[in-house]
C-alpha atoms as a PDB file:
ATOM      1  CA  MET A   1      62.888  87.720 -38.746  1.00  0.00           C
ATOM      2  CA  ALA A   2      63.097  90.985 -40.621  1.00  0.00           C
ATOM      3  CA  LYS A   3      59.752  92.120 -42.041  1.00  0.00           C
ATOM      4  CA  VAL A   4      59.323  91.934 -45.778  1.00  0.00           C
ATOM      5  CA  LYS A   5      58.063  94.954 -47.213  1.00  0.00           C
ATOM      6  CA  TYR A   6      56.521  95.484 -50.729  1.00  0.00           C
ATOM      7  CA  TYR A   7      55.275  98.672 -52.700  1.00  0.00           C
ATOM      8  CA  TYR A   8      52.788  98.929 -55.474  1.00  0.00           C
ATOM      9  CA  ASP A   9      53.900  99.151 -58.851  1.00  0.00           C
ATOM     10  CA  THR A  10      51.359 101.334 -61.144  1.00  0.00           C
ATOM     11  CA  LYS A  11      53.043 100.258 -64.393  1.00  0.00           C
ATOM     12  CA  THR A  12      52.765  96.461 -63.708  1.00  0.00           C
ATOM     13  CA  LEU A  13      49.571  96.776 -61.654  1.00  0.00           C
ATOM     14  CA  SER A  14      51.575  94.511 -59.008  1.00  0.00           C
ATOM     15  CA  TYR A  15      53.155  94.401 -55.670  1.00  0.00           C
ATOM     16  CA  LYS A  16      56.972  94.221 -55.808  1.00  0.00           C
ATOM     17  CA  ARG A  17      59.314  93.420 -52.985  1.00  0.00           C
ATOM     18  CA  ILE A  18      61.452  96.491 -51.687  1.00  0.00           C
ATOM     19  CA  GLU A  19      65.273  95.637 -52.134  1.00  0.00           C
ATOM     20  CA  LEU A  20      67.510  97.716 -49.880  1.00  0.00           C
ATOM     21  CA  SER A  21      71.163  98.440 -50.857  1.00  0.00           C
ATOM     22  CA  VAL A  22      73.917  98.081 -48.213  1.00  0.00           C
ATOM     23  CA  ALA A  23      74.727 101.709 -48.228  1.00  0.00           C
ATOM     24  CA  ASN A  24      70.843 102.572 -47.590  1.00  0.00           C
ATOM     25  CA  LYS A  25      70.780  99.565 -44.616  1.00  0.00           C
ATOM     26  CA  ILE A  26      73.629 101.176 -43.110  1.00  0.00           C
ATOM     27  CA  LYS A  27      72.390 104.631 -43.389  1.00  0.00           C
ATOM     28  CA  LYS A  28      69.150 103.527 -42.036  1.00  0.00           C
ATOM     29  CA  ILE A  29      71.016 101.918 -38.966  1.00  0.00           C
ATOM     30  CA  LEU A  30      72.739 105.000 -38.231  1.00  0.00           C
ATOM     31  CA  TYR A  31      69.929 107.245 -38.151  1.00  0.00           C
ATOM     32  CA  PHE A  32      68.176 104.897 -35.990  1.00  0.00           C
ATOM     33  CA  PHE A  33      71.080 104.895 -33.462  1.00  0.00           C
ATOM     34  CA  PHE A  34      71.413 108.672 -33.821  1.00  0.00           C
ATOM     35  CA  GLY A  35      67.576 109.178 -32.953  1.00  0.00           C
ATOM     36  CA  SER A  36      67.897 106.571 -30.041  1.00  0.00           C
ATOM     37  CA  ALA A  37      70.821 108.803 -28.819  1.00  0.00           C
ATOM     38  CA  LEU A  38      69.308 112.332 -29.283  1.00  0.00           C
ATOM     39  CA  THR A  39      66.026 110.846 -27.283  1.00  0.00           C
ATOM     40  CA  GLY A  40      67.874 109.043 -24.720  1.00  0.00           C
ATOM     41  CA  PHE A  41      70.259 112.559 -24.230  1.00  0.00           C
ATOM     42  CA  PHE A  42      66.965 114.771 -23.735  1.00  0.00           C
ATOM     43  CA  MET A  43      65.269 112.208 -21.588  1.00  0.00           C
ATOM     44  CA  VAL A  44      68.389 112.280 -19.406  1.00  0.00           C
ATOM     45  CA  VAL A  45      68.548 116.085 -19.389  1.00  0.00           C
ATOM     46  CA  ILE A  46      64.677 116.487 -18.547  1.00  0.00           C
ATOM     47  CA  PHE A  47      65.373 113.490 -15.694  1.00  0.00           C
ATOM     48  CA  LEU A  48      68.184 115.309 -14.159  1.00  0.00           C
ATOM     49  CA  GLN A  49      66.290 118.669 -14.014  1.00  0.00           C
ATOM     50  CA  PHE A  50      63.627 117.177 -12.068  1.00  0.00           C
ATOM     51  CA  PHE A  51      65.349 114.202 -10.201  1.00  0.00           C
ATOM     52  CA  ASP A  52      68.465 113.866  -8.284  1.00  0.00           C
ATOM     53  CA  SER A  53      71.134 111.265  -8.982  1.00  0.00           C
ATOM     54  CA  PRO A  54      72.329 109.156  -6.063  1.00  0.00           C
ATOM     55  CA  LYS A  55      75.565 111.076  -5.897  1.00  0.00           C
ATOM     56  CA  GLU A  56      73.864 114.397  -5.795  1.00  0.00           C
ATOM     57  CA  LYS A  57      71.297 113.146  -3.004  1.00  0.00           C
ATOM     58  CA  ILE A  58      74.302 112.145  -0.717  1.00  0.00           C
ATOM     59  CA  LEU A  59      76.056 115.644  -1.207  1.00  0.00           C
ATOM     60  CA  ASN A  60      72.868 117.607  -0.639  1.00  0.00           C
ATOM     61  CA  ARG A  61      72.072 115.354   2.494  1.00  0.00           C
ATOM     62  CA  GLU A  62      76.074 116.320   3.290  1.00  0.00           C
ATOM     63  CA  ILE A  63      75.104 120.086   2.587  1.00  0.00           C
ATOM     64  CA  GLN A  64      72.052 120.065   4.937  1.00  0.00           C
ATOM     65  CA  GLN A  65      73.907 118.343   7.649  1.00  0.00           C
ATOM     66  CA  LEU A  66      76.810 121.046   7.395  1.00  0.00           C
ATOM     67  CA  SER A  67      73.778 124.011   7.543  1.00  0.00           C
ATOM     68  CA  ILE A  68      72.508 122.471  10.387  1.00  0.00           C
ATOM     69  CA  GLN A  69      75.886 122.173  12.040  1.00  0.00           C
ATOM     70  CA  TYR A  70      76.834 125.944  11.015  1.00  0.00           C
ATOM     71  CA  LYS A  71      73.403 126.979  12.731  1.00  0.00           C
ATOM     72  CA  ILE A  72      74.258 125.009  15.998  1.00  0.00           C
ATOM     73  CA  ILE A  73      77.789 126.687  15.978  1.00  0.00           C
ATOM     74  CA  GLN A  74      76.119 130.061  15.854  1.00  0.00           C
ATOM     75  CA  ASN A  75      74.028 129.406  18.418  1.00  0.00           C
ATOM     76  CA  LYS A  76      77.135 128.293  20.578  1.00  0.00           C
ATOM     77  CA  LEU A  77      78.981 131.414  19.685  1.00  0.00           C
ATOM     78  CA  GLU A  78      75.820 133.608  20.638  1.00  0.00           C
ATOM     79  CA  LYS A  79      76.097 131.856  23.899  1.00  0.00           C
ATOM     80  CA  ALA A  80      79.759 132.144  24.436  1.00  0.00           C
ATOM     81  CA  GLU A  81      79.434 135.898  23.494  1.00  0.00           C
ATOM     82  CA  ILE A  82      76.740 136.343  26.469  1.00  0.00           C
ATOM     83  CA  VAL A  83      79.663 134.714  28.819  1.00  0.00           C
ATOM     84  CA  LEU A  84      82.288 136.652  27.449  1.00  0.00           C
ATOM     85  CA  ASP A  85      80.193 139.928  27.492  1.00  0.00           C
ATOM     86  CA  ASP A  86      79.805 139.426  31.106  1.00  0.00           C
ATOM     87  CA  LEU A  87      83.700 138.967  31.776  1.00  0.00           C
ATOM     88  CA  GLN A  88      84.340 142.045  30.133  1.00  0.00           C
ATOM     89  CA  LYS A  89      81.810 143.810  32.315  1.00  0.00           C
ATOM     90  CA  ARG A  90      82.980 142.043  35.325  1.00  0.00           C
ATOM     91  CA  ASP A  91      87.026 142.905  34.265  1.00  0.00           C
ATOM     92  CA  ASP A  92      86.025 146.607  33.941  1.00  0.00           C
ATOM     93  CA  ASN A  93      83.649 147.303  36.468  1.00  0.00           C
ATOM     94  CA  ILE A  94      85.040 144.887  39.268  1.00  0.00           C
ATOM     95  CA  TYR A  95      88.724 143.617  38.511  1.00  0.00           C
ATOM     96  CA  ARG A  96      90.350 146.677  37.111  1.00  0.00           C
ATOM     97  CA  LEU A  97      88.482 149.221  39.301  1.00  0.00           C
ATOM     98  CA  ILE A  98      89.897 147.242  42.487  1.00  0.00           C
ATOM     99  CA  PHE A  99      93.312 147.543  40.916  1.00  0.00           C
ATOM    100  CA  GLU A 100      93.032 151.370  39.519  1.00  0.00           C
ATOM    101  CA  ALA A 101      93.270 150.269  36.039  1.00  0.00           C
ATOM    102  CA  ASP A 102      91.472 151.947  33.369  1.00  0.00           C
ATOM    103  CA  PRO A 103      88.550 150.248  31.770  1.00  0.00           C
ATOM    104  CA  ILE A 104      89.350 148.885  28.245  1.00  0.00           C
ATOM    105  CA  PRO A 105      87.125 151.035  25.710  1.00  0.00           C
ATOM    106  CA  LYS A 106      84.460 149.346  23.868  1.00  0.00           C
ATOM    107  CA  SER A 107      85.939 150.599  20.514  1.00  0.00           C
ATOM    108  CA  ILE A 108      88.764 148.326  21.399  1.00  0.00           C
ATOM    109  CA  ARG A 109      86.887 145.360  22.769  1.00  0.00           C
ATOM    110  CA  LYS A 110      84.536 145.297  19.676  1.00  0.00           C
ATOM    111  CA  ALA A 111      86.908 146.544  16.798  1.00  0.00           C
ATOM    112  CA  GLY A 112      86.396 144.819  13.346  1.00  0.00           C
ATOM    113  CA  TYR A 113      88.596 142.076  12.373  1.00  0.00           C
ATOM    114  CA  GLY A 114      90.946 141.895   9.038  1.00  0.00           C
ATOM    115  CA  GLY A 115      90.546 143.476   5.678  1.00  0.00           C
ATOM    116  CA  VAL A 116      87.405 144.000   3.227  1.00  0.00           C
ATOM    117  CA  ASN A 117      88.515 141.032   1.257  1.00  0.00           C
ATOM    118  CA  ARG A 118      89.098 138.593   4.209  1.00  0.00           C
ATOM    119  CA  TYR A 119      85.885 136.788   3.364  1.00  0.00           C
ATOM    120  CA  GLN A 120      86.103 137.185  -0.365  1.00  0.00           C
ATOM    121  CA  ASP A 121      86.661 133.266  -0.961  1.00  0.00           C
ATOM    122  CA  LEU A 122      83.425 132.359   0.476  1.00  0.00           C
ATOM    123  CA  THR A 123      81.174 134.387  -1.563  1.00  0.00           C
ATOM    124  CA  GLY A 124      79.485 132.900  -4.624  1.00  0.00           C
ATOM    125  CA  PHE A 125      78.000 130.020  -2.947  1.00  0.00           C
ATOM    126  CA  ASN A 126      74.306 128.784  -1.982  1.00  0.00           C
ATOM    127  CA  ASN A 127      75.379 129.004   1.749  1.00  0.00           C
ATOM    128  CA  SER A 128      77.804 131.828   1.638  1.00  0.00           C
ATOM    129  CA  GLU A 129      75.900 134.289   3.999  1.00  0.00           C
ATOM    130  CA  LEU A 130      75.503 131.386   6.698  1.00  0.00           C
ATOM    131  CA  VAL A 131      79.374 130.580   6.233  1.00  0.00           C
ATOM    132  CA  ILE A 132      80.432 134.232   6.223  1.00  0.00           C
ATOM    133  CA  SER A 133      78.462 135.185   9.181  1.00  0.00           C
ATOM    134  CA  THR A 134      79.723 132.277  11.128  1.00  0.00           C
ATOM    135  CA  SER A 135      83.343 133.122  10.183  1.00  0.00           C
ATOM    136  CA  LYS A 136      82.816 136.720  11.371  1.00  0.00           C
ATOM    137  CA  LYS A 137      81.533 135.557  14.693  1.00  0.00           C
ATOM    138  CA  ILE A 138      84.211 133.280  15.353  1.00  0.00           C
ATOM    139  CA  ASP A 139      86.915 135.583  14.240  1.00  0.00           C
ATOM    140  CA  GLN A 140      85.270 138.534  16.652  1.00  0.00           C
ATOM    141  CA  VAL A 141      85.028 136.200  19.614  1.00  0.00           C
ATOM    142  CA  THR A 142      88.737 135.046  18.875  1.00  0.00           C
ATOM    143  CA  LYS A 143      89.843 138.627  19.220  1.00  0.00           C
ATOM    144  CA  GLN A 144      87.692 139.540  22.293  1.00  0.00           C
ATOM    145  CA  LEU A 145      89.002 136.424  24.067  1.00  0.00           C
ATOM    146  CA  TYR A 146      92.522 137.596  22.851  1.00  0.00           C
ATOM    147  CA  ILE A 147      92.011 141.059  24.412  1.00  0.00           C
ATOM    148  CA  GLN A 148      90.273 139.806  27.415  1.00  0.00           C
ATOM    149  CA  SER A 149      93.361 137.417  27.867  1.00  0.00           C
ATOM    150  CA  LYS A 150      95.682 140.234  27.858  1.00  0.00           C
ATOM    151  CA  SER A 151      93.775 142.192  30.388  1.00  0.00           C
ATOM    152  CA  PHE A 152      93.911 139.346  32.732  1.00  0.00           C
ATOM    153  CA  ASP A 153      97.529 139.101  32.527  1.00  0.00           C
ATOM    154  CA  GLU A 154      97.706 142.805  33.322  1.00  0.00           C
ATOM    155  CA  ILE A 155      95.363 142.200  36.320  1.00  0.00           C
ATOM    156  CA  ILE A 156      97.575 139.310  37.614  1.00  0.00           C
ATOM    157  CA  ASP A 157     100.492 141.674  37.247  1.00  0.00           C
ATOM    158  CA  LEU A 158      98.470 144.531  39.383  1.00  0.00           C
ATOM    159  CA  ALA A 159      97.732 141.567  41.729  1.00  0.00           C
ATOM    160  CA  LYS A 160     101.279 141.037  42.110  1.00  0.00           C
ATOM    161  CA  ASN A 161     102.002 144.540  42.744  1.00  0.00           C
ATOM    162  CA  LYS A 162      99.205 145.104  45.089  1.00  0.00           C
ATOM    163  CA  THR A 163     101.168 145.479  48.267  1.00  0.00           C
ATOM    164  CA  THR A 164     103.164 147.909  46.668  1.00  0.00           C
ATOM    165  CA  MET A 165     100.384 149.562  45.464  1.00  0.00           C
ATOM    166  CA  LEU A 166      98.730 149.712  48.804  1.00  0.00           C
ATOM    167  CA  ALA A 167     101.672 151.209  50.303  1.00  0.00           C
ATOM    168  CA  SER A 168     101.845 153.807  47.462  1.00  0.00           C
ATOM    169  CA  ILE A 169      98.464 155.311  47.664  1.00  0.00           C
ATOM    170  CA  PRO A 170      98.177 158.518  49.924  1.00  0.00           C
ATOM    171  CA  ALA A 171      96.280 156.843  53.081  1.00  0.00           C
ATOM    172  CA  ILE A 172      97.279 159.063  56.192  1.00  0.00           C
ATOM    173  CA  GLN A 173      97.159 162.690  57.056  1.00  0.00           C
ATOM    174  CA  PRO A 174     100.007 164.659  56.259  1.00  0.00           C
ATOM    175  CA  VAL A 175      99.902 166.156  59.448  1.00  0.00           C
ATOM    176  CA  SER A 176      99.310 164.303  62.884  1.00  0.00           C
ATOM    177  CA  ASN A 177      96.157 164.872  64.645  1.00  0.00           C
ATOM    178  CA  LYS A 178      97.978 165.835  67.915  1.00  0.00           C
ATOM    179  CA  ASP A 179      99.821 168.683  66.004  1.00  0.00           C
ATOM    180  CA  LEU A 180      96.676 170.266  64.441  1.00  0.00           C
ATOM    181  CA  SER A 181      95.258 173.324  65.500  1.00  0.00           C
ATOM    182  CA  ARG A 182      92.355 172.996  63.337  1.00  0.00           C
ATOM    183  CA  MET A 183      91.146 172.079  59.991  1.00  0.00           C
ATOM    184  CA  ALA A 184      91.322 175.550  58.159  1.00  0.00           C
ATOM    185  CA  SER A 185      89.712 174.651  54.710  1.00  0.00           C
ATOM    186  CA  GLY A 186      88.378 171.956  52.649  1.00  0.00           C
ATOM    187  CA  PHE A 187      88.218 171.093  48.756  1.00  0.00           C
ATOM    188  CA  GLY A 188      86.051 173.286  46.655  1.00  0.00           C
ATOM    189  CA  ASN A 189      84.894 176.789  46.126  1.00  0.00           C
ATOM    190  CA  ARG A 190      86.347 178.834  48.870  1.00  0.00           C
ATOM    191  CA  ILE A 191      87.028 182.548  49.984  1.00  0.00           C
ATOM    192  CA  HIS A 192      90.233 183.632  48.966  1.00  0.00           C
ATOM    193  CA  PRO A 193      92.126 185.138  51.780  1.00  0.00           C
ATOM    194  CA  ILE A 194      93.668 188.258  49.795  1.00  0.00           C
ATOM    195  CA  TYR A 195      91.139 188.720  46.876  1.00  0.00           C
ATOM    196  CA  LYS A 196      87.876 187.876  49.385  1.00  0.00           C
ATOM    197  CA  THR A 197      86.193 186.229  46.509  1.00  0.00           C
ATOM    198  CA  LYS A 198      85.015 182.792  45.794  1.00  0.00           C
ATOM    199  CA  LYS A 199      88.098 180.663  44.167  1.00  0.00           C
ATOM    200  CA  PHE A 200      88.063 176.774  43.733  1.00  0.00           C
ATOM    201  CA  HIS A 201      90.396 175.635  46.325  1.00  0.00           C
ATOM    202  CA  ALA A 202      92.098 172.420  45.043  1.00  0.00           C
ATOM    203  CA  GLY A 203      93.557 170.800  47.928  1.00  0.00           C
ATOM    204  CA  MET A 204      92.836 170.794  52.077  1.00  0.00           C
ATOM    205  CA  ASP A 205      94.568 173.250  54.626  1.00  0.00           C
ATOM    206  CA  PHE A 206      95.892 171.914  57.962  1.00  0.00           C
ATOM    207  CA  SER A 207      96.351 174.724  60.285  1.00  0.00           C
ATOM    208  CA  ALA A 208      99.438 174.006  62.605  1.00  0.00           C
ATOM    209  CA  LYS A 209     102.335 175.866  64.314  1.00  0.00           C
ATOM    210  CA  THR A 210     105.485 176.859  62.132  1.00  0.00           C
ATOM    211  CA  GLY A 211     107.822 173.796  62.352  1.00  0.00           C
ATOM    212  CA  THR A 212     105.354 170.995  62.764  1.00  0.00           C
ATOM    213  CA  PRO A 213     106.449 167.924  61.094  1.00  0.00           C
ATOM    214  CA  ILE A 214     104.858 167.075  57.696  1.00  0.00           C
ATOM    215  CA  TYR A 215     104.784 163.551  56.686  1.00  0.00           C
ATOM    216  CA  ALA A 216     104.831 161.597  53.332  1.00  0.00           C
ATOM    217  CA  THR A 217     101.259 159.923  52.844  1.00  0.00           C
ATOM    218  CA  GLY A 218     102.291 157.207  50.833  1.00  0.00           C
ATOM    219  CA  ASP A 219     105.322 155.530  49.428  1.00  0.00           C
ATOM    220  CA  GLY A 220     106.887 157.276  46.587  1.00  0.00           C
ATOM    221  CA  GLU A 221     109.671 159.285  44.853  1.00  0.00           C
ATOM    222  CA  ILE A 222     110.211 163.324  45.394  1.00  0.00           C
ATOM    223  CA  SER A 223     109.742 164.489  41.966  1.00  0.00           C
ATOM    224  CA  LYS A 224     109.802 168.205  42.869  1.00  0.00           C
ATOM    225  CA  VAL A 225     111.429 170.264  45.610  1.00  0.00           C
ATOM    226  CA  LYS A 226     111.081 174.120  45.170  1.00  0.00           C
ATOM    227  CA  ARG A 227     111.915 177.171  47.048  1.00  0.00           C
ATOM    228  CA  SER A 228     109.478 180.001  46.347  1.00  0.00           C
ATOM    229  CA  ARG A 229     108.088 183.279  47.919  1.00  0.00           C
ATOM    230  CA  LYS A 230     104.810 183.059  45.335  1.00  0.00           C
ATOM    231  CA  GLY A 231     102.042 180.639  44.914  1.00  0.00           C
ATOM    232  CA  TYR A 232     102.677 177.501  46.581  1.00  0.00           C
ATOM    233  CA  GLY A 233     105.826 178.925  48.602  1.00  0.00           C
ATOM    234  CA  ASN A 234     108.243 176.314  49.565  1.00  0.00           C
ATOM    235  CA  HIS A 235     106.873 172.994  48.383  1.00  0.00           C
ATOM    236  CA  VAL A 236     107.346 169.501  47.582  1.00  0.00           C
ATOM    237  CA  VAL A 237     105.837 167.030  45.173  1.00  0.00           C
ATOM    238  CA  ILE A 238     105.993 163.144  45.767  1.00  0.00           C
ATOM    239  CA  ASN A 239     105.091 160.800  42.823  1.00  0.00           C
ATOM    240  CA  HIS A 240     103.691 157.584  44.352  1.00  0.00           C
ATOM    241  CA  GLY A 241     103.389 155.903  41.093  1.00  0.00           C
ATOM    242  CA  PHE A 242     100.029 154.406  39.688  1.00  0.00           C
ATOM    243  CA  GLY A 243      99.056 157.652  38.640  1.00  0.00           C
ATOM    244  CA  TYR A 244      99.098 159.246  42.082  1.00  0.00           C
ATOM    245  CA  LYS A 245     100.955 162.378  43.325  1.00  0.00           C
ATOM    246  CA  THR A 246     100.815 164.417  46.323  1.00  0.00           C
ATOM    247  CA  LEU A 247     101.631 168.364  46.820  1.00  0.00           C
ATOM    248  CA  TYR A 248     102.876 169.779  50.235  1.00  0.00           C
ATOM    249  CA  ALA A 249     102.747 173.607  49.855  1.00  0.00           C
ATOM    250  CA  HIS A 250     104.025 176.718  52.450  1.00  0.00           C
ATOM    251  CA  MET A 251     106.723 174.600  53.859  1.00  0.00           C
ATOM    252  CA  SER A 252     108.749 176.366  56.528  1.00  0.00           C
ATOM    253  CA  LYS A 253     111.577 173.952  55.043  1.00  0.00           C
ATOM    254  CA  PHE A 254     112.001 170.648  53.426  1.00  0.00           C
ATOM    255  CA  ILE A 255     114.453 168.039  54.540  1.00  0.00           C
ATOM    256  CA  VAL A 256     114.247 165.936  51.215  1.00  0.00           C
ATOM    257  CA  LYS A 257     115.706 166.246  47.620  1.00  0.00           C
ATOM    258  CA  LYS A 258     114.541 165.300  44.137  1.00  0.00           C
ATOM    259  CA  ARG A 259     114.503 161.685  43.064  1.00  0.00           C
ATOM    260  CA  GLN A 260     114.824 160.607  46.984  1.00  0.00           C
ATOM    261  CA  LYS A 261     112.866 157.568  47.928  1.00  0.00           C
ATOM    262  CA  VAL A 262     110.357 158.135  50.798  1.00  0.00           C
ATOM    263  CA  LYS A 263     108.181 155.845  52.856  1.00  0.00           C
ATOM    264  CA  ARG A 264     104.494 156.579  54.151  1.00  0.00           C
ATOM    265  CA  GLY A 265     105.065 158.316  57.580  1.00  0.00           C
ATOM    266  CA  ASP A 266     108.688 159.512  56.711  1.00  0.00           C
ATOM    267  CA  ILE A 267     109.045 163.350  57.674  1.00  0.00           C
ATOM    268  CA  ILE A 268     109.583 165.637  54.463  1.00  0.00           C
ATOM    269  CA  GLY A 269     109.523 168.974  55.929  1.00  0.00           C
ATOM    270  CA  TYR A 270     107.981 171.333  58.152  1.00  0.00           C
ATOM    271  CA  VAL A 271     104.839 173.564  58.376  1.00  0.00           C
ATOM    272  CA  GLY A 272     105.466 177.178  57.683  1.00  0.00           C
ATOM    273  CA  ASN A 273     103.767 180.413  55.836  1.00  0.00           C
ATOM    274  CA  THR A 274     105.776 180.643  52.914  1.00  0.00           C
ATOM    275  CA  GLY A 275     104.166 181.748  49.410  1.00  0.00           C
ATOM    276  CA  THR A 276     100.757 183.036  48.938  1.00  0.00           C
ATOM    277  CA  SER A 277      99.604 182.076  52.490  1.00  0.00           C
ATOM    278  CA  VAL A 278      97.932 184.209  55.388  1.00  0.00           C
ATOM    279  CA  ALA A 279      98.996 182.106  58.468  1.00  0.00           C
ATOM    280  CA  PRO A 280     100.935 179.134  59.199  1.00  0.00           C
ATOM    281  CA  HIS A 281      99.310 175.890  57.554  1.00  0.00           C
ATOM    282  CA  LEU A 282     100.103 173.102  55.051  1.00  0.00           C
ATOM    283  CA  HIS A 283      98.285 173.103  51.953  1.00  0.00           C
ATOM    284  CA  TYR A 284      97.772 169.345  50.935  1.00  0.00           C
ATOM    285  CA  GLU A 285      96.845 168.471  47.378  1.00  0.00           C
ATOM    286  CA  VAL A 286      96.265 164.603  45.967  1.00  0.00           C
ATOM    287  CA  HIS A 287      96.235 164.245  42.031  1.00  0.00           C
ATOM    288  CA  LYS A 288      95.298 161.035  40.149  1.00  0.00           C
ATOM    289  CA  ASP A 289      96.159 160.794  36.558  1.00  0.00           C
ATOM    290  CA  GLY A 290      97.030 164.465  36.498  1.00  0.00           C
ATOM    291  CA  LYS A 291      93.611 165.875  37.752  1.00  0.00           C
ATOM    292  CA  LYS A 292      93.228 167.540  41.250  1.00  0.00           C
ATOM    293  CA  ILE A 293      90.896 165.093  43.684  1.00  0.00           C
ATOM    294  CA  ASN A 294      89.701 165.415  46.906  1.00  0.00           C
ATOM    295  CA  PRO A 295      92.156 164.526  49.610  1.00  0.00           C
ATOM    296  CA  VAL A 296      89.419 163.881  52.124  1.00  0.00           C
ATOM    297  CA  ASN A 297      88.836 160.250  50.839  1.00  0.00           C
ATOM    298  CA  PHE A 298      92.616 159.416  51.607  1.00  0.00           C
ATOM    299  CA  TYR A 299      92.755 159.501  55.564  1.00  0.00           C
ATOM    300  CA  TYR A 300      91.328 155.884  55.901  1.00  0.00           C
ATOM    301  CA  ASN A 301      94.670 154.567  57.669  1.00  0.00           C
ATOM    302  CA  ASP A 302      94.532 157.516  59.914  1.00  0.00           C
ATOM    303  CA  LEU A 303      90.912 158.291  61.446  1.00  0.00           C
ATOM    304  CA  THR A 304      88.134 156.415  63.053  1.00  0.00           C
ATOM    305  CA  PRO A 305      84.948 156.414  61.366  1.00  0.00           C
ATOM    306  CA  GLU A 306      83.923 159.344  63.870  1.00  0.00           C
ATOM    307  CA  GLN A 307      86.993 161.457  63.346  1.00  0.00           C
ATOM    308  CA  PHE A 308      86.416 161.035  59.534  1.00  0.00           C
ATOM    309  CA  GLU A 309      82.956 162.095  59.631  1.00  0.00           C
ATOM    310  CA  LYS A 310      84.054 165.232  61.708  1.00  0.00           C
ATOM    311  CA  MET A 311      86.697 166.219  59.272  1.00  0.00           C
ATOM    312  CA  LEU A 312      84.225 165.614  56.515  1.00  0.00           C
ATOM    313  CA  LEU A 313      81.851 168.086  57.824  1.00  0.00           C
ATOM    314  CA  ILE A 314      84.331 170.741  58.958  1.00  0.00           C
ATOM    315  CA  SER A 315      86.231 170.285  55.200  1.00  0.00           C
ATOM    316  CA  SER A 316      82.975 170.617  53.555  1.00  0.00           C
ATOM    317  CA  GLN A 317      82.195 174.066  55.016  1.00  0.00           C
ATOM    318  CA  SER A 318      82.316 177.211  52.740  1.00  0.00           C
ATOM    319  CA  ASN A 319      84.902 179.101  54.932  1.00  0.00           C
ATOM    320  CA  GLN A 320      88.040 181.017  54.027  1.00  0.00           C
ATOM    321  CA  SER A 321      90.995 179.241  53.007  1.00  0.00           C
ATOM    322  CA  PHE A 322      94.554 180.175  54.147  1.00  0.00           C
ATOM    323  CA  ASP A 323      96.003 180.152  50.625  1.00  0.00           C
END
């Protein structure tokens, strides 16, 4: 039952009942609902500022779980990187070394991935930094795995060609021990026979009689045959592949021609005294990837350990070379 309201009439000095018109009643009802709605709105806003809705609570729990999962993935990626790093070191220092392959540079192994805007879509969120760092790690590990896979493919191919490589690498003396007069000079600084000054001697001199057979020290193809009265004199170069070449100088004659295939132990010519030479001998060089290296390390198929030690001693003496 609605309350009846009265007002005091000063003229009649009596109380009179307040009578509201229909319009006023409607206006009052509207004011009431508007005030209630406004109050309710502010209460909801304030409530949402300090309390999460059931749906938000579910979403927040999911976000927390995702953050935990991202951190777990990062830890797993870090462990995978350690294993991958170990594989890369083994690959460069063992597998590729065994098969005479150059190590893969770190600049290639550790190179970045994608462009500057690759992760643009992941920015602007509360956990953007975590998501972006995880994505970067995944991309880096993926690229390194791809490079490592390609490297193993190369190693497999090299392993298949190992027999060919072992047959091609210089591994015997170019002059037989029974035909040697002596080992005249080794690799390093030696006294030049004509100028009598110290000069770098980039090979080994095998002293032998003119006409002594000279043997190919590994399988390969004749890449150069030249007659000359200067420098190396009559000389032959064999390309063994795998970065190896050998040079045979001061020959009296050669019995091979350019592009001819030869096998280790084949006679390619004979000892002589042509070019800049002061006595019959063979000047022998080994080149690896265009660089002249000490031939003394390539006679393991020909010498016993005792013979090798003796040759090492003789070849290291600072004597006079023959060319």
